[in-house]
Amino acid sequence: MSDFPKTKQIIGFTDAGQPLVLPDYSCGQFSPGQSRLLESKTCWYCRYADFRKTADVMLTQSICRCEQKRVHVIQGNKNEGLK
């Protein structure tokens, strides 16, 4: 199979190798977002994720844009999520 972490909070990867994450995922690369009120060390509050909390629609998943979390993607393979 692959060396990707198998968690329920990482649901796949973009073609650029960025993890698709759910709000409650947490990792060692956490960096606080703009609002520091009621923060926990999860993706929902991390500056690397964008759940569009300030828009009319809040997303239930986001792309982690942290360079350290990016994985190498083999050209020609589809990144369809983890099973």
C-alpha atoms as a PDB file:
ATOM      1  CA  MET A   1       0.000   0.000   0.000  1.00  0.00           C
ATOM      2  CA  SER A   2       1.452   3.402   0.903  1.00  0.00           C
ATOM      3  CA  ASP A   3       3.250   5.092   3.772  1.00  0.00           C
ATOM      4  CA  PHE A   4       0.490   7.686   4.249  1.00  0.00           C
ATOM      5  CA  PRO A   5      -0.836   7.967   7.798  1.00  0.00           C
ATOM      6  CA  LYS A   6      -4.137   6.162   8.155  1.00  0.00           C
ATOM      7  CA  THR A   7      -6.373   8.400  10.228  1.00  0.00           C
ATOM      8  CA  LYS A   8      -9.992   9.363   9.985  1.00  0.00           C
ATOM      9  CA  GLN A   9      -8.997  13.043  10.050  1.00  0.00           C
ATOM     10  CA  ILE A  10      -6.776  12.929   6.931  1.00  0.00           C
ATOM     11  CA  ILE A  11      -9.195  11.936   4.211  1.00  0.00           C
ATOM     12  CA  GLY A  12      -6.924  12.154   1.172  1.00  0.00           C
ATOM     13  CA  PHE A  13      -4.333  14.242  -0.633  1.00  0.00           C
ATOM     14  CA  THR A  14      -4.418  16.839  -3.386  1.00  0.00           C
ATOM     15  CA  ASP A  15      -2.499  16.255  -6.609  1.00  0.00           C
ATOM     16  CA  ALA A  16       0.184  18.558  -5.142  1.00  0.00           C
ATOM     17  CA  GLY A  17       0.536  16.262  -2.096  1.00  0.00           C
ATOM     18  CA  GLN A  18      -1.263  18.450   0.431  1.00  0.00           C
ATOM     19  CA  PRO A  19      -3.367  16.560   3.001  1.00  0.00           C
ATOM     20  CA  LEU A  20      -7.150  16.985   3.015  1.00  0.00           C
ATOM     21  CA  VAL A  21      -8.026  17.338   6.676  1.00  0.00           C
ATOM     22  CA  LEU A  22     -11.063  17.404   8.925  1.00  0.00           C
ATOM     23  CA  PRO A  23     -11.423  20.084  11.642  1.00  0.00           C
ATOM     24  CA  ASP A  24     -10.472  17.873  14.601  1.00  0.00           C
ATOM     25  CA  TYR A  25      -7.156  16.631  13.169  1.00  0.00           C
ATOM     26  CA  SER A  26      -4.021  17.773  14.991  1.00  0.00           C
ATOM     27  CA  CYS A  27      -0.333  17.424  14.282  1.00  0.00           C
ATOM     28  CA  GLY A  28       3.025  18.703  15.467  1.00  0.00           C
ATOM     29  CA  GLN A  29       3.043  21.491  12.872  1.00  0.00           C
ATOM     30  CA  PHE A  30       0.152  23.410  14.488  1.00  0.00           C
ATOM     31  CA  SER A  31       0.464  27.186  14.230  1.00  0.00           C
ATOM     32  CA  PRO A  32      -2.275  29.426  15.672  1.00  0.00           C
ATOM     33  CA  GLY A  33      -4.568  31.235  13.271  1.00  0.00           C
ATOM     34  CA  GLN A  34      -5.636  34.876  13.471  1.00  0.00           C
ATOM     35  CA  SER A  35      -8.151  34.473  16.284  1.00  0.00           C
ATOM     36  CA  ARG A  36      -6.568  33.157  19.467  1.00  0.00           C
ATOM     37  CA  LEU A  37      -9.809  32.882  21.445  1.00  0.00           C
ATOM     38  CA  LEU A  38     -10.881  29.394  22.518  1.00  0.00           C
ATOM     39  CA  GLU A  39      -8.173  27.745  20.425  1.00  0.00           C
ATOM     40  CA  SER A  40      -7.268  24.104  20.639  1.00  0.00           C
ATOM     41  CA  LYS A  41      -4.380  22.565  18.713  1.00  0.00           C
ATOM     42  CA  THR A  42      -6.545  21.228  15.888  1.00  0.00           C
ATOM     43  CA  CYS A  43      -6.740  22.078  12.195  1.00  0.00           C
ATOM     44  CA  TRP A  44      -9.862  24.183  12.737  1.00  0.00           C
ATOM     45  CA  TYR A  45      -7.719  26.777  14.552  1.00  0.00           C
ATOM     46  CA  CYS A  46      -4.489  26.321  12.559  1.00  0.00           C
ATOM     47  CA  ARG A  47      -3.238  28.976  10.158  1.00  0.00           C
ATOM     48  CA  TYR A  48      -2.347  26.308   7.566  1.00  0.00           C
ATOM     49  CA  ALA A  49      -5.974  25.222   7.059  1.00  0.00           C
ATOM     50  CA  ASP A  50      -8.882  27.225   5.641  1.00  0.00           C
ATOM     51  CA  PHE A  51     -12.325  26.134   6.690  1.00  0.00           C
ATOM     52  CA  ARG A  52     -13.736  29.531   5.590  1.00  0.00           C
ATOM     53  CA  LYS A  53     -14.907  30.392   9.065  1.00  0.00           C
ATOM     54  CA  THR A  54     -15.435  34.018   8.021  1.00  0.00           C
ATOM     55  CA  ALA A  55     -17.449  33.244   4.885  1.00  0.00           C
ATOM     56  CA  ASP A  56     -21.158  32.516   4.569  1.00  0.00           C
ATOM     57  CA  VAL A  57     -20.390  28.802   4.150  1.00  0.00           C
ATOM     58  CA  MET A  58     -18.192  26.859   6.580  1.00  0.00           C
ATOM     59  CA  LEU A  59     -16.406  23.891   5.056  1.00  0.00           C
ATOM     60  CA  THR A  60     -16.248  20.498   6.754  1.00  0.00           C
ATOM     61  CA  GLN A  61     -12.832  19.729   5.263  1.00  0.00           C
ATOM     62  CA  SER A  62      -9.807  21.767   4.250  1.00  0.00           C
ATOM     63  CA  ILE A  63      -6.400  21.529   2.627  1.00  0.00           C
ATOM     64  CA  CYS A  64      -3.411  21.644   4.954  1.00  0.00           C
ATOM     65  CA  ARG A  65      -0.999  24.114   3.360  1.00  0.00           C
ATOM     66  CA  CYS A  66       1.915  23.376   5.696  1.00  0.00           C
ATOM     67  CA  GLU A  67       5.013  22.564   3.616  1.00  0.00           C
ATOM     68  CA  GLN A  68       6.230  20.023   6.196  1.00  0.00           C
ATOM     69  CA  LYS A  69       3.002  17.991   5.823  1.00  0.00           C
ATOM     70  CA  ARG A  70       3.193  17.805   2.015  1.00  0.00           C
ATOM     71  CA  VAL A  71       3.892  14.329   0.638  1.00  0.00           C
ATOM     72  CA  HIS A  72       5.573  13.297  -2.589  1.00  0.00           C
ATOM     73  CA  VAL A  73       3.034  12.390  -5.251  1.00  0.00           C
ATOM     74  CA  ILE A  74       3.969   9.939  -7.978  1.00  0.00           C
ATOM     75  CA  GLN A  75       2.936  11.282 -11.387  1.00  0.00           C
ATOM     76  CA  GLY A  76       0.147   9.304 -13.012  1.00  0.00           C
ATOM     77  CA  ASN A  77      -1.359   8.011  -9.765  1.00  0.00           C
ATOM     78  CA  LYS A  78      -4.694   9.254  -8.541  1.00  0.00           C
ATOM     79  CA  ASN A  79      -4.912  10.453  -4.949  1.00  0.00           C
ATOM     80  CA  GLU A  80      -8.415   9.311  -4.150  1.00  0.00           C
ATOM     81  CA  GLY A  81      -8.243   9.253  -0.391  1.00  0.00           C
ATOM     82  CA  LEU A  82      -7.334   6.686   2.174  1.00  0.00           C
ATOM     83  CA  LYS A  83      -9.069   3.400   2.666  1.00  0.00           C
END
